Amino acid sequence: MSTKIGQQLVSRVNQYFHRLPETRYHLSVVNVNADQQYHYFFYIRRRGVSTRSLPLAAEPAKIDLLMDSLSIFRQSYQLPIILTGFSYDEQRRLHQLTR
């Protein structure tokens, strides 16, 4: 299933990523404890325009699935990945993959 989510992330980011001048992009992964899922968002921040947050996918909160999905994403894009709502240990483990 993580391969499917990773490929889904890549295909959806392909739709929005245009390498525009003065534009910043990043992937955000949010750990939502209430529903035990990881939610993925793609942020586009262009100078003089408000930031856009685009929902991409959600998957069950299993760290190994997340690592697989992010490694697939990293093979195609070297964008910054922002982690929100993760414990210190999870962040340390994922930091090796997301830098």
Protein backbone atom coordinates (compact mmCIF):
# COMPACT_ATOMS: atom_id res chain seq x y z
CA MET A 1 0.00 0.00 0.00
CA SER A 2 2.85 2.44 0.73
CA THR A 3 4.13 2.03 -2.82
CA LYS A 4 0.70 3.08 -4.04
CA ILE A 5 0.68 6.15 -1.76
CA GLY A 6 4.23 7.08 -2.76
CA GLN A 7 3.34 6.88 -6.44
CA GLN A 8 0.15 8.83 -5.79
CA LEU A 9 2.19 11.59 -4.10
CA VAL A 10 4.53 11.82 -7.09
CA SER A 11 1.71 11.92 -9.64
CA ARG A 12 -0.25 14.58 -7.75
CA VAL A 13 2.80 16.77 -7.16
CA ASN A 14 3.54 16.50 -10.91
CA GLN A 15 0.24 18.31 -11.51
CA TYR A 16 1.18 21.29 -9.31
CA PHE A 17 4.98 21.61 -9.53
CA HIS A 18 5.91 24.04 -12.30
CA ARG A 19 9.29 25.53 -11.23
CA LEU A 20 7.99 29.07 -11.32
CA PRO A 21 10.37 31.92 -10.43
CA GLU A 22 10.14 33.28 -6.88
CA THR A 23 8.03 30.31 -5.80
CA ARG A 24 8.71 27.95 -2.91
CA TYR A 25 7.37 24.43 -2.70
CA HIS A 26 7.39 21.86 0.09
CA LEU A 27 5.68 18.66 1.17
CA SER A 28 4.09 18.61 4.60
CA VAL A 29 3.33 15.40 6.48
CA VAL A 30 0.94 15.77 9.42
CA ASN A 31 0.50 13.06 12.04
CA VAL A 32 -3.17 13.26 13.11
CA ASN A 33 -3.55 11.25 16.30
CA ALA A 34 -7.34 11.58 16.34
CA ASP A 35 -7.84 9.40 13.27
CA GLN A 36 -4.49 7.53 13.38
CA GLN A 37 -3.44 8.69 9.91
CA TYR A 38 -0.70 10.63 8.19
CA HIS A 39 -1.97 13.38 5.91
CA TYR A 40 0.13 14.76 3.06
CA PHE A 41 -0.12 18.36 1.82
CA PHE A 42 1.73 20.19 -0.94
CA TYR A 43 2.45 23.85 -0.22
CA ILE A 44 3.02 26.45 -2.90
CA ARG A 45 4.20 29.88 -1.78
CA ARG A 46 4.63 32.50 -4.45
CA ARG A 47 5.88 35.98 -3.75
CA GLY A 48 3.00 38.45 -3.45
CA VAL A 49 0.36 35.69 -3.58
CA SER A 50 -1.19 33.85 -0.66
CA THR A 51 0.10 30.37 0.16
CA ARG A 52 -1.78 27.40 -1.25
CA SER A 53 -2.08 24.15 0.66
CA LEU A 54 -3.21 21.23 -1.47
CA PRO A 55 -4.23 17.92 0.14
CA LEU A 56 -2.54 15.00 -1.60
CA ALA A 57 -3.24 11.78 0.30
CA ALA A 58 -3.71 10.05 3.64
CA GLU A 59 -2.47 6.71 4.91
CA PRO A 60 -2.64 4.70 8.16
CA ALA A 61 -0.23 5.89 10.83
CA LYS A 62 2.52 3.29 10.50
CA ILE A 63 6.05 4.65 10.47
CA ASP A 64 7.37 1.99 8.08
CA LEU A 65 4.67 2.80 5.51
CA LEU A 66 5.51 6.48 5.85
CA MET A 67 9.22 5.85 5.31
CA ASP A 68 8.48 3.82 2.17
CA SER A 69 6.16 6.52 0.79
CA LEU A 70 8.69 9.28 1.45
CA SER A 71 11.55 7.32 -0.11
CA ILE A 72 9.48 6.90 -3.29
CA PHE A 73 8.71 10.62 -3.23
CA ARG A 74 12.41 11.44 -2.71
CA GLN A 75 13.39 9.47 -5.80
CA SER A 76 11.47 11.99 -7.94
CA TYR A 77 11.65 15.24 -5.94
CA GLN A 78 14.23 16.82 -3.66
CA LEU A 79 11.74 19.25 -2.10
CA PRO A 80 11.82 20.07 1.61
CA ILE A 81 9.62 17.83 3.75
CA ILE A 82 8.05 19.35 6.88
CA LEU A 83 6.97 16.93 9.62
CA THR A 84 4.23 18.02 12.03
CA GLY A 85 2.81 16.20 15.05
CA PHE A 86 5.55 13.55 15.33
CA SER A 87 7.37 12.51 18.49
CA TYR A 88 11.04 13.35 18.91
CA ASP A 89 12.08 9.74 18.20
CA GLU A 90 9.93 9.58 15.05
CA GLN A 91 11.36 12.88 13.84
CA ARG A 92 14.92 11.65 14.37
CA ARG A 93 14.19 8.45 12.47
CA LEU A 94 12.51 10.29 9.60
CA HIS A 95 15.11 13.07 9.48
CA GLN A 96 17.62 10.65 7.99
CA LEU A 97 15.25 10.10 5.07
CA THR A 98 13.97 13.64 4.58
CA ARG A 99 17.22 15.61 4.47
